[in-house]
């Protein structure tokens, strides 16, 4: 989890694995409600950040996303993602 954002054997989060496809990875936990993925991808697209690979899993009321991008995610994008209503956690892991 700490190095790549992969989750195994968790009670509160879904088991989530995605091989690293780029050198840039962000993980996002959010409430499991409609349009969260749309809002997240809109923030990235507005800064011309291309998503190379992505996985979204949910466990009850929480959803967990691993997103690999083709470019670095700056602090401004991290803050914009955190401001989305329903986002619980945003972290860059590499």
PDB file of N, CA and C in Angstrom:
ATOM      1  N   UNK A   1       0.819  -1.198   0.000  1.00  0.00           N
ATOM      2  CA  UNK A   1       0.000   0.000   0.000  1.00  0.00           C
ATOM      3  C   UNK A   1       0.861   1.260   0.000  1.00  0.00           C
ATOM      4  N   UNK A   2       1.852   1.312   0.853  1.00  0.00           N
ATOM      5  CA  UNK A   2       2.661   2.524   0.960  1.00  0.00           C
ATOM      6  C   UNK A   2       3.459   2.815  -0.306  1.00  0.00           C
ATOM      7  N   UNK A   3       3.953   1.785  -0.963  1.00  0.00           N
ATOM      8  CA  UNK A   3       4.799   1.999  -2.131  1.00  0.00           C
ATOM      9  C   UNK A   3       4.028   2.148  -3.435  1.00  0.00           C
ATOM     10  N   UNK A   4       2.966   1.376  -3.642  1.00  0.00           N
ATOM     11  CA  UNK A   4       2.263   1.358  -4.927  1.00  0.00           C
ATOM     12  C   UNK A   4       0.756   1.562  -4.816  1.00  0.00           C
ATOM     13  N   UNK A   5       0.221   1.687  -3.596  1.00  0.00           N
ATOM     14  CA  UNK A   5      -1.205   1.898  -3.424  1.00  0.00           C
ATOM     15  C   UNK A   5      -2.043   0.640  -3.511  1.00  0.00           C
ATOM     16  N   UNK A   6      -1.393  -0.514  -3.583  1.00  0.00           N
ATOM     17  CA  UNK A   6      -2.090  -1.795  -3.689  1.00  0.00           C
ATOM     18  C   UNK A   6      -2.685  -2.167  -2.329  1.00  0.00           C
ATOM     19  N   UNK A   7      -3.910  -2.678  -2.331  1.00  0.00           N
ATOM     20  CA  UNK A   7      -4.569  -3.072  -1.077  1.00  0.00           C
ATOM     21  C   UNK A   7      -4.842  -4.571  -1.115  1.00  0.00           C
ATOM     22  N   UNK A   8      -4.409  -5.252  -0.055  1.00  0.00           N
ATOM     23  CA  UNK A   8      -4.687  -6.679   0.119  1.00  0.00           C
ATOM     24  C   UNK A   8      -5.222  -6.901   1.525  1.00  0.00           C
ATOM     25  N   UNK A   9      -6.213  -7.753   1.648  1.00  0.00           N
ATOM     26  CA  UNK A   9      -6.740  -8.200   2.938  1.00  0.00           C
ATOM     27  C   UNK A   9      -7.180  -7.061   3.856  1.00  0.00           C
ATOM     28  N   UNK A  10      -7.896  -6.097   3.329  1.00  0.00           N
ATOM     29  CA  UNK A  10      -8.400  -4.995   4.140  1.00  0.00           C
ATOM     30  C   UNK A  10      -9.869  -5.220   4.463  1.00  0.00           C
ATOM     31  N   UNK A  11     -10.278  -4.785   5.622  1.00  0.00           N
ATOM     32  CA  UNK A  11     -11.675  -4.886   6.022  1.00  0.00           C
ATOM     33  C   UNK A  11     -12.477  -3.715   5.466  1.00  0.00           C
ATOM     34  N   UNK A  12     -11.894  -2.514   5.459  1.00  0.00           N
ATOM     35  CA  UNK A  12     -12.615  -1.299   5.107  1.00  0.00           C
ATOM     36  C   UNK A  12     -12.469  -0.862   3.657  1.00  0.00           C
ATOM     37  N   UNK A  13     -11.487  -1.400   2.947  1.00  0.00           N
ATOM     38  CA  UNK A  13     -11.244  -1.016   1.566  1.00  0.00           C
ATOM     39  C   UNK A  13     -11.267  -2.260   0.681  1.00  0.00           C
ATOM     40  N   UNK A  14     -11.623  -2.092  -0.597  1.00  0.00           N
ATOM     41  CA  UNK A  14     -11.647  -3.243  -1.501  1.00  0.00           C
ATOM     42  C   UNK A  14     -10.240  -3.709  -1.858  1.00  0.00           C
ATOM     43  N   UNK A  15     -10.086  -5.007  -2.054  1.00  0.00           N
ATOM     44  CA  UNK A  15      -8.798  -5.519  -2.520  1.00  0.00           C
ATOM     45  C   UNK A  15      -8.572  -4.975  -3.929  1.00  0.00           C
ATOM     46  N   UNK A  16      -7.433  -4.320  -4.118  1.00  0.00           N
ATOM     47  CA  UNK A  16      -7.178  -3.631  -5.378  1.00  0.00           C
ATOM     48  C   UNK A  16      -5.725  -3.820  -5.777  1.00  0.00           C
ATOM     49  N   UNK A  17      -5.521  -4.327  -6.989  1.00  0.00           N
ATOM     50  CA  UNK A  17      -4.173  -4.503  -7.520  1.00  0.00           C
ATOM     51  C   UNK A  17      -4.144  -4.033  -8.965  1.00  0.00           C
ATOM     52  N   UNK A  18      -3.130  -3.265  -9.305  1.00  0.00           N
ATOM     53  CA  UNK A  18      -2.901  -2.862 -10.682  1.00  0.00           C
ATOM     54  C   UNK A  18      -1.392  -2.737 -10.878  1.00  0.00           C
ATOM     55  N   UNK A  19      -0.842  -3.447 -11.861  1.00  0.00           N
ATOM     56  CA  UNK A  19       0.593  -3.317 -12.114  1.00  0.00           C
ATOM     57  C   UNK A  19       0.924  -1.877 -12.480  1.00  0.00           C
ATOM     58  N   UNK A  20       2.085  -1.427 -12.063  1.00  0.00           N
ATOM     59  CA  UNK A  20       2.531  -0.071 -12.356  1.00  0.00           C
ATOM     60  C   UNK A  20       2.808   0.046 -13.853  1.00  0.00           C
ATOM     61  N   UNK A  21       2.155   1.007 -14.518  1.00  0.00           N
ATOM     62  CA  UNK A  21       2.341   1.155 -15.966  1.00  0.00           C
ATOM     63  C   UNK A  21       3.120   2.417 -16.342  1.00  0.00           C
ATOM     64  N   UNK A  22       3.269   3.349 -15.400  1.00  0.00           N
ATOM     65  CA  UNK A  22       4.057   4.560 -15.632  1.00  0.00           C
ATOM     66  C   UNK A  22       4.806   4.895 -14.344  1.00  0.00           C
ATOM     67  N   UNK A  23       5.546   5.973 -14.379  1.00  0.00           N
ATOM     68  CA  UNK A  23       6.280   6.407 -13.184  1.00  0.00           C
ATOM     69  C   UNK A  23       5.458   7.362 -12.319  1.00  0.00           C
ATOM     70  N   UNK A  24       4.191   7.580 -12.689  1.00  0.00           N
ATOM     71  CA  UNK A  24       3.348   8.542 -11.980  1.00  0.00           C
ATOM     72  C   UNK A  24       2.041   7.871 -11.557  1.00  0.00           C
ATOM     73  N   UNK A  25       1.845   7.755 -10.243  1.00  0.00           N
ATOM     74  CA  UNK A  25       0.638   7.087  -9.725  1.00  0.00           C
ATOM     75  C   UNK A  25       0.027   7.919  -8.612  1.00  0.00           C
ATOM     76  N   UNK A  26      -1.289   8.033  -8.679  1.00  0.00           N
ATOM     77  CA  UNK A  26      -2.047   8.710  -7.631  1.00  0.00           C
ATOM     78  C   UNK A  26      -3.143   7.754  -7.161  1.00  0.00           C
ATOM     79  N   UNK A  27      -3.397   7.769  -5.865  1.00  0.00           N
ATOM     80  CA  UNK A  27      -4.487   6.959  -5.331  1.00  0.00           C
ATOM     81  C   UNK A  27      -5.512   7.898  -4.700  1.00  0.00           C
ATOM     82  N   UNK A  28      -6.771   7.534  -4.872  1.00  0.00           N
ATOM     83  CA  UNK A  28      -7.862   8.363  -4.378  1.00  0.00           C
ATOM     84  C   UNK A  28      -8.912   7.465  -3.746  1.00  0.00           C
ATOM     85  N   UNK A  29      -9.307   7.802  -2.532  1.00  0.00           N
ATOM     86  CA  UNK A  29     -10.442   7.145  -1.882  1.00  0.00           C
ATOM     87  C   UNK A  29     -11.574   8.155  -1.839  1.00  0.00           C
ATOM     88  N   UNK A  30     -12.776   7.694  -2.134  1.00  0.00           N
ATOM     89  CA  UNK A  30     -13.921   8.591  -2.162  1.00  0.00           C
ATOM     90  C   UNK A  30     -15.193   7.855  -1.753  1.00  0.00           C
ATOM     91  N   UNK A  31     -16.231   8.636  -1.482  1.00  0.00           N
ATOM     92  CA  UNK A  31     -17.534   8.035  -1.221  1.00  0.00           C
ATOM     93  C   UNK A  31     -17.994   7.349  -2.494  1.00  0.00           C
ATOM     94  N   UNK A  32     -18.647   6.222  -2.347  1.00  0.00           N
ATOM     95  CA  UNK A  32     -19.120   5.439  -3.488  1.00  0.00           C
ATOM     96  C   UNK A  32     -20.469   5.991  -3.952  1.00  0.00           C
ATOM     97  N   UNK A  33     -20.401   7.107  -4.680  1.00  0.00           N
ATOM     98  CA  UNK A  33     -21.604   7.769  -5.196  1.00  0.00           C
ATOM     99  C   UNK A  33     -21.411   8.074  -6.682  1.00  0.00           C
ATOM    100  N   UNK A  34     -22.507   8.282  -7.416  1.00  0.00           N
ATOM    101  CA  UNK A  34     -22.393   8.572  -8.842  1.00  0.00           C
ATOM    102  C   UNK A  34     -21.579   9.832  -9.133  1.00  0.00           C
ATOM    103  N   UNK A  35     -20.917   9.827 -10.276  1.00  0.00           N
ATOM    104  CA  UNK A  35     -20.172  10.936 -10.865  1.00  0.00           C
ATOM    105  C   UNK A  35     -18.842  11.250 -10.197  1.00  0.00           C
ATOM    106  N   UNK A  36     -18.373  10.424  -9.291  1.00  0.00           N
ATOM    107  CA  UNK A  36     -17.063  10.684  -8.690  1.00  0.00           C
ATOM    108  C   UNK A  36     -15.954  10.516  -9.734  1.00  0.00           C
ATOM    109  N   UNK A  37     -15.999   9.441 -10.507  1.00  0.00           N
ATOM    110  CA  UNK A  37     -14.964   9.213 -11.527  1.00  0.00           C
ATOM    111  C   UNK A  37     -14.955  10.366 -12.533  1.00  0.00           C
ATOM    112  N   UNK A  38     -16.133  10.820 -12.924  1.00  0.00           N
ATOM    113  CA  UNK A  38     -16.223  11.939 -13.857  1.00  0.00           C
ATOM    114  C   UNK A  38     -15.567  13.201 -13.317  1.00  0.00           C
ATOM    115  N   UNK A  39     -15.800  13.492 -12.046  1.00  0.00           N
ATOM    116  CA  UNK A  39     -15.208  14.678 -11.435  1.00  0.00           C
ATOM    117  C   UNK A  39     -13.688  14.544 -11.312  1.00  0.00           C
ATOM    118  N   UNK A  40     -13.238  13.367 -10.951  1.00  0.00           N
ATOM    119  CA  UNK A  40     -11.798  13.123 -10.816  1.00  0.00           C
ATOM    120  C   UNK A  40     -11.102  13.267 -12.168  1.00  0.00           C
ATOM    121  N   UNK A  41     -11.651  12.611 -13.190  1.00  0.00           N
ATOM    122  CA  UNK A  41     -11.013  12.681 -14.508  1.00  0.00           C
ATOM    123  C   UNK A  41     -11.103  14.085 -15.104  1.00  0.00           C
ATOM    124  N   UNK A  42     -12.143  14.841 -14.769  1.00  0.00           N
ATOM    125  CA  UNK A  42     -12.255  16.217 -15.245  1.00  0.00           C
ATOM    126  C   UNK A  42     -11.125  17.084 -14.705  1.00  0.00           C
ATOM    127  N   UNK A  43     -10.775  16.918 -13.435  1.00  0.00           N
ATOM    128  CA  UNK A  43      -9.660  17.674 -12.849  1.00  0.00           C
ATOM    129  C   UNK A  43      -8.370  17.355 -13.598  1.00  0.00           C
ATOM    130  N   UNK A  44      -8.123  16.085 -13.853  1.00  0.00           N
ATOM    131  CA  UNK A  44      -6.900  15.695 -14.562  1.00  0.00           C
ATOM    132  C   UNK A  44      -6.920  16.191 -16.000  1.00  0.00           C
ATOM    133  N   UNK A  45      -8.049  16.046 -16.680  1.00  0.00           N
ATOM    134  CA  UNK A  45      -8.148  16.473 -18.075  1.00  0.00           C
ATOM    135  C   UNK A  45      -7.998  17.986 -18.221  1.00  0.00           C
ATOM    136  N   UNK A  46      -8.503  18.738 -17.254  1.00  0.00           N
ATOM    137  CA  UNK A  46      -8.410  20.199 -17.338  1.00  0.00           C
ATOM    138  C   UNK A  46      -6.969  20.687 -17.301  1.00  0.00           C
ATOM    139  N   UNK A  47      -6.074  19.868 -16.765  1.00  0.00           N
ATOM    140  CA  UNK A  47      -4.645  20.198 -16.727  1.00  0.00           C
ATOM    141  C   UNK A  47      -3.861  19.402 -17.767  1.00  0.00           C
ATOM    142  N   UNK A  48      -4.594  18.799 -18.705  1.00  0.00           N
ATOM    143  CA  UNK A  48      -3.990  18.028 -19.804  1.00  0.00           C
ATOM    144  C   UNK A  48      -3.152  16.854 -19.309  1.00  0.00           C
ATOM    145  N   UNK A  49      -3.595  16.231 -18.216  1.00  0.00           N
ATOM    146  CA  UNK A  49      -2.926  15.043 -17.680  1.00  0.00           C
ATOM    147  C   UNK A  49      -3.630  13.821 -18.253  1.00  0.00           C
ATOM    148  N   UNK A  50      -2.897  13.019 -19.009  1.00  0.00           N
ATOM    149  CA  UNK A  50      -3.460  11.829 -19.626  1.00  0.00           C
ATOM    150  C   UNK A  50      -3.406  10.648 -18.669  1.00  0.00           C
ATOM    151  N   UNK A  51      -4.506   9.912 -18.580  1.00  0.00           N
ATOM    152  CA  UNK A  51      -4.562   8.701 -17.760  1.00  0.00           C
ATOM    153  C   UNK A  51      -4.072   7.539 -18.599  1.00  0.00           C
ATOM    154  N   UNK A  52      -3.026   6.884 -18.135  1.00  0.00           N
ATOM    155  CA  UNK A  52      -2.456   5.737 -18.833  1.00  0.00           C
ATOM    156  C   UNK A  52      -3.198   4.449 -18.470  1.00  0.00           C
ATOM    157  N   UNK A  53      -3.539   4.313 -17.185  1.00  0.00           N
ATOM    158  CA  UNK A  53      -4.247   3.129 -16.697  1.00  0.00           C
ATOM    159  C   UNK A  53      -4.987   3.525 -15.434  1.00  0.00           C
ATOM    160  N   UNK A  54      -6.084   2.825 -15.158  1.00  0.00           N
ATOM    161  CA  UNK A  54      -6.894   3.183 -13.994  1.00  0.00           C
ATOM    162  C   UNK A  54      -7.720   1.984 -13.557  1.00  0.00           C
ATOM    163  N   UNK A  55      -7.917   1.885 -12.242  1.00  0.00           N
ATOM    164  CA  UNK A  55      -8.810   0.871 -11.703  1.00  0.00           C
ATOM    165  C   UNK A  55      -9.640   1.524 -10.605  1.00  0.00           C
ATOM    166  N   UNK A  56     -10.905   1.133 -10.544  1.00  0.00           N
ATOM    167  CA  UNK A  56     -11.819   1.648  -9.528  1.00  0.00           C
ATOM    168  C   UNK A  56     -12.546   0.460  -8.923  1.00  0.00           C
ATOM    169  N   UNK A  57     -12.454   0.326  -7.610  1.00  0.00           N
ATOM    170  CA  UNK A  57     -13.147  -0.749  -6.883  1.00  0.00           C
ATOM    171  C   UNK A  57     -13.893  -0.120  -5.722  1.00  0.00           C
ATOM    172  N   UNK A  58     -14.928  -0.797  -5.266  1.00  0.00           N
ATOM    173  CA  UNK A  58     -15.635  -0.266  -4.106  1.00  0.00           C
ATOM    174  C   UNK A  58     -15.921  -1.362  -3.095  1.00  0.00           C
ATOM    175  N   UNK A  59     -16.085  -0.928  -1.855  1.00  0.00           N
ATOM    176  CA  UNK A  59     -16.433  -1.807  -0.742  1.00  0.00           C
ATOM    177  C   UNK A  59     -17.450  -1.036   0.096  1.00  0.00           C
ATOM    178  N   UNK A  60     -18.715  -1.358  -0.075  1.00  0.00           N
ATOM    179  CA  UNK A  60     -19.749  -0.638   0.650  1.00  0.00           C
ATOM    180  C   UNK A  60     -19.799   0.815   0.232  1.00  0.00           C
ATOM    181  N   UNK A  61     -19.625   1.713   1.179  1.00  0.00           N
ATOM    182  CA  UNK A  61     -19.761   3.143   0.921  1.00  0.00           C
ATOM    183  C   UNK A  61     -18.476   3.816   0.455  1.00  0.00           C
ATOM    184  N   UNK A  62     -17.371   3.064   0.376  1.00  0.00           N
ATOM    185  CA  UNK A  62     -16.081   3.630  -0.018  1.00  0.00           C
ATOM    186  C   UNK A  62     -15.637   3.049  -1.364  1.00  0.00           C
ATOM    187  N   UNK A  63     -15.126   3.930  -2.229  1.00  0.00           N
ATOM    188  CA  UNK A  63     -14.522   3.504  -3.492  1.00  0.00           C
ATOM    189  C   UNK A  63     -13.038   3.868  -3.445  1.00  0.00           C
ATOM    190  N   UNK A  64     -12.239   3.098  -4.177  1.00  0.00           N
ATOM    191  CA  UNK A  64     -10.788   3.275  -4.163  1.00  0.00           C
ATOM    192  C   UNK A  64     -10.297   3.251  -5.604  1.00  0.00           C
ATOM    193  N   UNK A  65      -9.485   4.216  -5.954  1.00  0.00           N
ATOM    194  CA  UNK A  65      -8.993   4.364  -7.319  1.00  0.00           C
ATOM    195  C   UNK A  65      -7.470   4.377  -7.343  1.00  0.00           C
ATOM    196  N   UNK A  66      -6.912   3.647  -8.284  1.00  0.00           N
ATOM    197  CA  UNK A  66      -5.492   3.738  -8.590  1.00  0.00           C
ATOM    198  C   UNK A  66      -5.420   4.296 -10.006  1.00  0.00           C
ATOM    199  N   UNK A  67      -4.689   5.388 -10.179  1.00  0.00           N
ATOM    200  CA  UNK A  67      -4.611   6.045 -11.484  1.00  0.00           C
ATOM    201  C   UNK A  67      -3.143   6.268 -11.838  1.00  0.00           C
ATOM    202  N   UNK A  68      -2.716   5.689 -12.964  1.00  0.00           N
ATOM    203  CA  UNK A  68      -1.381   5.938 -13.506  1.00  0.00           C
ATOM    204  C   UNK A  68      -1.520   6.983 -14.608  1.00  0.00           C
ATOM    205  N   UNK A  69      -0.652   7.995 -14.569  1.00  0.00           N
ATOM    206  CA  UNK A  69      -0.717   9.067 -15.558  1.00  0.00           C
ATOM    207  C   UNK A  69       0.589   9.153 -16.339  1.00  0.00           C
ATOM    208  N   UNK A  70       0.498   9.816 -17.492  1.00  0.00           N
ATOM    209  CA  UNK A  70       1.679   9.964 -18.339  1.00  0.00           C
ATOM    210  C   UNK A  70       2.594  11.091 -17.884  1.00  0.00           C
ATOM    211  N   UNK A  71       2.123  11.917 -16.956  1.00  0.00           N
ATOM    212  CA  UNK A  71       2.940  13.039 -16.495  1.00  0.00           C
ATOM    213  C   UNK A  71       2.773  13.236 -14.991  1.00  0.00           C
ATOM    214  N   UNK A  72       3.618  14.061 -14.449  1.00  0.00           N
ATOM    215  CA  UNK A  72       3.608  14.354 -13.024  1.00  0.00           C
ATOM    216  C   UNK A  72       2.331  15.072 -12.617  1.00  0.00           C
ATOM    217  N   UNK A  73       1.835  14.738 -11.453  1.00  0.00           N
ATOM    218  CA  UNK A  73       0.680  15.418 -10.890  1.00  0.00           C
ATOM    219  C   UNK A  73       1.196  16.437  -9.879  1.00  0.00           C
ATOM    220  N   UNK A  74       0.893  17.683 -10.136  1.00  0.00           N
ATOM    221  CA  UNK A  74       1.385  18.780  -9.309  1.00  0.00           C
ATOM    222  C   UNK A  74       0.508  18.971  -8.070  1.00  0.00           C
ATOM    223  N   UNK A  75       1.024  19.716  -7.114  1.00  0.00           N
ATOM    224  CA  UNK A  75       0.289  19.995  -5.876  1.00  0.00           C
ATOM    225  C   UNK A  75      -1.071  20.644  -6.139  1.00  0.00           C
ATOM    226  N   UNK A  76      -1.161  21.484  -7.178  1.00  0.00           N
ATOM    227  CA  UNK A  76      -2.435  22.143  -7.486  1.00  0.00           C
ATOM    228  C   UNK A  76      -3.501  21.128  -7.870  1.00  0.00           C
ATOM    229  N   UNK A  77      -3.125  20.108  -8.640  1.00  0.00           N
ATOM    230  CA  UNK A  77      -4.086  19.080  -9.019  1.00  0.00           C
ATOM    231  C   UNK A  77      -4.501  18.240  -7.817  1.00  0.00           C
ATOM    232  N   UNK A  78      -3.545  17.942  -6.937  1.00  0.00           N
ATOM    233  CA  UNK A  78      -3.849  17.196  -5.719  1.00  0.00           C
ATOM    234  C   UNK A  78      -4.859  17.979  -4.886  1.00  0.00           C
ATOM    235  N   UNK A  79      -4.636  19.274  -4.728  1.00  0.00           N
ATOM    236  CA  UNK A  79      -5.567  20.104  -3.947  1.00  0.00           C
ATOM    237  C   UNK A  79      -6.932  20.179  -4.609  1.00  0.00           C
ATOM    238  N   UNK A  80      -6.973  20.283  -5.941  1.00  0.00           N
ATOM    239  CA  UNK A  80      -8.250  20.316  -6.654  1.00  0.00           C
ATOM    240  C   UNK A  80      -9.013  19.005  -6.460  1.00  0.00           C
ATOM    241  N   UNK A  81      -8.295  17.884  -6.469  1.00  0.00           N
ATOM    242  CA  UNK A  81      -8.936  16.586  -6.235  1.00  0.00           C
ATOM    243  C   UNK A  81      -9.473  16.489  -4.811  1.00  0.00           C
ATOM    244  N   UNK A  82      -8.720  16.985  -3.853  1.00  0.00           N
ATOM    245  CA  UNK A  82      -9.149  16.955  -2.452  1.00  0.00           C
ATOM    246  C   UNK A  82     -10.403  17.793  -2.219  1.00  0.00           C
ATOM    247  N   UNK A  83     -10.594  18.823  -3.025  1.00  0.00           N
ATOM    248  CA  UNK A  83     -11.743  19.716  -2.856  1.00  0.00           C
ATOM    249  C   UNK A  83     -13.043  19.137  -3.419  1.00  0.00           C
ATOM    250  N   UNK A  84     -12.954  18.057  -4.169  1.00  0.00           N
ATOM    251  CA  UNK A  84     -14.168  17.433  -4.704  1.00  0.00           C
ATOM    252  C   UNK A  84     -14.975  16.881  -3.540  1.00  0.00           C
ATOM    253  N   UNK A  85     -16.241  17.260  -3.475  1.00  0.00           N
ATOM    254  CA  UNK A  85     -17.118  16.776  -2.418  1.00  0.00           C
ATOM    255  C   UNK A  85     -17.236  15.257  -2.502  1.00  0.00           C
ATOM    256  N   UNK A  86     -16.872  14.577  -1.442  1.00  0.00           N
ATOM    257  CA  UNK A  86     -16.929  13.119  -1.411  1.00  0.00           C
ATOM    258  C   UNK A  86     -15.565  12.454  -1.459  1.00  0.00           C
ATOM    259  N   UNK A  87     -14.520  13.209  -1.812  1.00  0.00           N
ATOM    260  CA  UNK A  87     -13.169  12.652  -1.816  1.00  0.00           C
ATOM    261  C   UNK A  87     -12.683  12.583  -0.369  1.00  0.00           C
ATOM    262  N   UNK A  88     -12.227  11.413   0.027  1.00  0.00           N
ATOM    263  CA  UNK A  88     -11.782  11.175   1.394  1.00  0.00           C
ATOM    264  C   UNK A  88     -10.271  11.316   1.530  1.00  0.00           C
ATOM    265  N   UNK A  89      -9.522  10.856   0.507  1.00  0.00           N
ATOM    266  CA  UNK A  89      -8.063  10.836   0.584  1.00  0.00           C
ATOM    267  C   UNK A  89      -7.481  10.888  -0.815  1.00  0.00           C
ATOM    268  N   UNK A  90      -6.410  11.656  -0.972  1.00  0.00           N
ATOM    269  CA  UNK A  90      -5.647  11.721  -2.219  1.00  0.00           C
ATOM    270  C   UNK A  90      -4.177  11.599  -1.848  1.00  0.00           C
ATOM    271  N   UNK A  91      -3.471  10.719  -2.551  1.00  0.00           N
ATOM    272  CA  UNK A  91      -2.052  10.551  -2.249  1.00  0.00           C
ATOM    273  C   UNK A  91      -1.294  10.165  -3.508  1.00  0.00           C
ATOM    274  N   UNK A  92      -0.167  10.798  -3.722  1.00  0.00           N
ATOM    275  CA  UNK A  92       0.733  10.426  -4.818  1.00  0.00           C
ATOM    276  C   UNK A  92       1.691   9.392  -4.255  1.00  0.00           C
ATOM    277  N   UNK A  93       1.794   8.245  -4.932  1.00  0.00           N
ATOM    278  CA  UNK A  93       2.668   7.183  -4.421  1.00  0.00           C
ATOM    279  C   UNK A  93       3.942   7.046  -5.235  1.00  0.00           C
ATOM    280  N   UNK A  94       3.975   7.564  -6.447  1.00  0.00           N
ATOM    281  CA  UNK A  94       5.239   7.601  -7.204  1.00  0.00           C
ATOM    282  C   UNK A  94       5.093   8.552  -8.363  1.00  0.00           C
TER     283      UNK A  94
END
